[in-house]
C-alpha atoms as a PDB file:
ATOM      1  CA  MET A   1       0.000   0.000   0.000  1.00  0.00           C
ATOM      2  CA  ALA A   2       1.315   3.413  -0.921  1.00  0.00           C
ATOM      3  CA  ILE A   3      -0.059   6.701   0.396  1.00  0.00           C
ATOM      4  CA  ARG A   4       0.938  10.270  -0.387  1.00  0.00           C
ATOM      5  CA  ARG A   5       2.940  11.999   2.292  1.00  0.00           C
ATOM      6  CA  GLU A   6       0.442  14.880   2.319  1.00  0.00           C
ATOM      7  CA  ILE A   7      -2.317  12.498   3.402  1.00  0.00           C
ATOM      8  CA  LEU A   8      -0.230  10.968   6.178  1.00  0.00           C
ATOM      9  CA  GLU A   9       0.819  14.378   7.449  1.00  0.00           C
ATOM     10  CA  GLU A  10      -2.840  15.376   7.878  1.00  0.00           C
ATOM     11  CA  TYR A  11      -3.373  12.442  10.252  1.00  0.00           C
ATOM     12  CA  ASP A  12       0.040  12.279  11.937  1.00  0.00           C
ATOM     13  CA  THR A  13      -1.343  12.667  15.475  1.00  0.00           C
ATOM     14  CA  TYR A  14      -3.592   9.630  14.947  1.00  0.00           C
ATOM     15  CA  LEU A  15      -0.843   7.711  13.190  1.00  0.00           C
ATOM     16  CA  LYS A  16       1.393   7.996  16.246  1.00  0.00           C
ATOM     17  CA  GLN A  17      -1.330   6.426  18.402  1.00  0.00           C
ATOM     18  CA  ILE A  18      -2.122   3.442  16.138  1.00  0.00           C
ATOM     19  CA  LYS A  19      -0.911   0.127  17.565  1.00  0.00           C
ATOM     20  CA  LEU A  20      -3.011  -2.349  15.539  1.00  0.00           C
ATOM     21  CA  ALA A  21      -4.669  -2.519  12.109  1.00  0.00           C
ATOM     22  CA  ILE A  22      -2.407   0.046  10.456  1.00  0.00           C
ATOM     23  CA  ASP A  23      -3.470  -1.193   7.005  1.00  0.00           C
ATOM     24  CA  SER A  24      -7.108  -0.479   7.865  1.00  0.00           C
ATOM     25  CA  PHE A  25      -6.128   2.993   9.051  1.00  0.00           C
ATOM     26  CA  TYR A  26      -4.339   3.654   5.748  1.00  0.00           C
ATOM     27  CA  LEU A  27      -7.403   2.510   3.811  1.00  0.00           C
ATOM     28  CA  VAL A  28      -9.732   4.767   5.808  1.00  0.00           C
ATOM     29  CA  ILE A  29      -7.584   7.884   5.418  1.00  0.00           C
ATOM     30  CA  GLY A  30      -7.276   7.045   1.727  1.00  0.00           C
ATOM     31  CA  PHE A  31     -11.066   7.093   1.449  1.00  0.00           C
ATOM     32  CA  LEU A  32     -11.228  10.351   3.406  1.00  0.00           C
ATOM     33  CA  SER A  33      -8.680  12.086   1.171  1.00  0.00           C
ATOM     34  CA  ASN A  34      -9.532  14.065  -1.944  1.00  0.00           C
ATOM     35  CA  TYR A  35      -7.247  11.889  -4.056  1.00  0.00           C
ATOM     36  CA  ASP A  36      -8.290   9.093  -6.397  1.00  0.00           C
ATOM     37  CA  MET A  37      -7.568   5.551  -5.243  1.00  0.00           C
ATOM     38  CA  LEU A  38      -6.240   2.711  -7.374  1.00  0.00           C
ATOM     39  CA  PHE A  39      -7.061  -0.889  -6.522  1.00  0.00           C
ATOM     40  CA  ASP A  40      -4.901  -3.496  -8.215  1.00  0.00           C
ATOM     41  CA  ASP A  41      -5.327  -7.270  -8.049  1.00  0.00           C
ATOM     42  CA  ILE A  42      -1.719  -8.149  -8.866  1.00  0.00           C
ATOM     43  CA  VAL A  43      -0.363 -10.666  -6.347  1.00  0.00           C
ATOM     44  CA  LEU A  44       2.937  -9.398  -4.973  1.00  0.00           C
ATOM     45  CA  GLY A  45       3.595 -12.378  -2.728  1.00  0.00           C
ATOM     46  CA  LYS A  46       1.928 -15.404  -1.184  1.00  0.00           C
ATOM     47  CA  TYR A  47       2.208 -14.078   2.364  1.00  0.00           C
ATOM     48  CA  ARG A  48       4.266 -11.620   4.319  1.00  0.00           C
ATOM     49  CA  LEU A  49       5.940 -12.087   7.649  1.00  0.00           C
ATOM     50  CA  GLN A  50       5.826  -9.343  10.212  1.00  0.00           C
ATOM     51  CA  LYS A  51       7.502  -9.294  13.572  1.00  0.00           C
ATOM     52  CA  TYR A  52       4.297  -8.706  15.551  1.00  0.00           C
ATOM     53  CA  SER A  53       1.669 -10.674  13.649  1.00  0.00           C
ATOM     54  CA  ALA A  54       0.105 -14.115  13.666  1.00  0.00           C
ATOM     55  CA  SER A  55       2.181 -14.998  10.605  1.00  0.00           C
ATOM     56  CA  SER A  56       5.458 -14.337  12.428  1.00  0.00           C
ATOM     57  CA  ASN A  57       5.459 -17.945  13.667  1.00  0.00           C
ATOM     58  CA  LEU A  58       5.467 -19.424  10.134  1.00  0.00           C
ATOM     59  CA  THR A  59       8.519 -21.348   9.040  1.00  0.00           C
ATOM     60  CA  ASN A  60       9.546 -22.802   5.681  1.00  0.00           C
END
């Protein structure tokens, strides 16, 4: 997900408080912005591993 810096700067006080569901927060502020949104169905990977997520326990 990519978001313009101008959009993030408008919501920086909220962004500093977010602990969970950051992707959902990005989607909501994208909807609230005056910019057009692009949704693409290209698969970039099968899954992603994050340090603090349920998928962090996956192994190959």
